[in-house]
Amino acid sequence: MQYRIELAPLAQRQFKKLDRAIQNRLLQRIETLSSNPRPPGVKKLTDEENLYRIRIGEYRVIYQIRDWVLTVVVVKIGHRREIYS
């Protein structure tokens, strides 16, 4: 069962601001979410409903899983010191 990956407008802007090498690393990891949206190491955020976080080095990807329509929506992408503010 494949999930469709969508980037929210904010996540798209954040992604475009990153260095090309970092973009490639993040993109590879984001694409793996289509086959398994809850991979090992994923953490459900406690304050938010249905939001999850994956770590890629110093960067974090915050996303929402919509099981009823088989979609993963990437909400935020950024460095760990900036992503939660």
Foldseek 3Di string as FASTA:
>chain_A
DFAAEAEDPQAVVQLVPDDPVVNVQVVVVSRVCRVPVDDPQKDADDVDPQWIWHDDDQKIWIWGADVVRRYIYTYHIDGPVPTPD
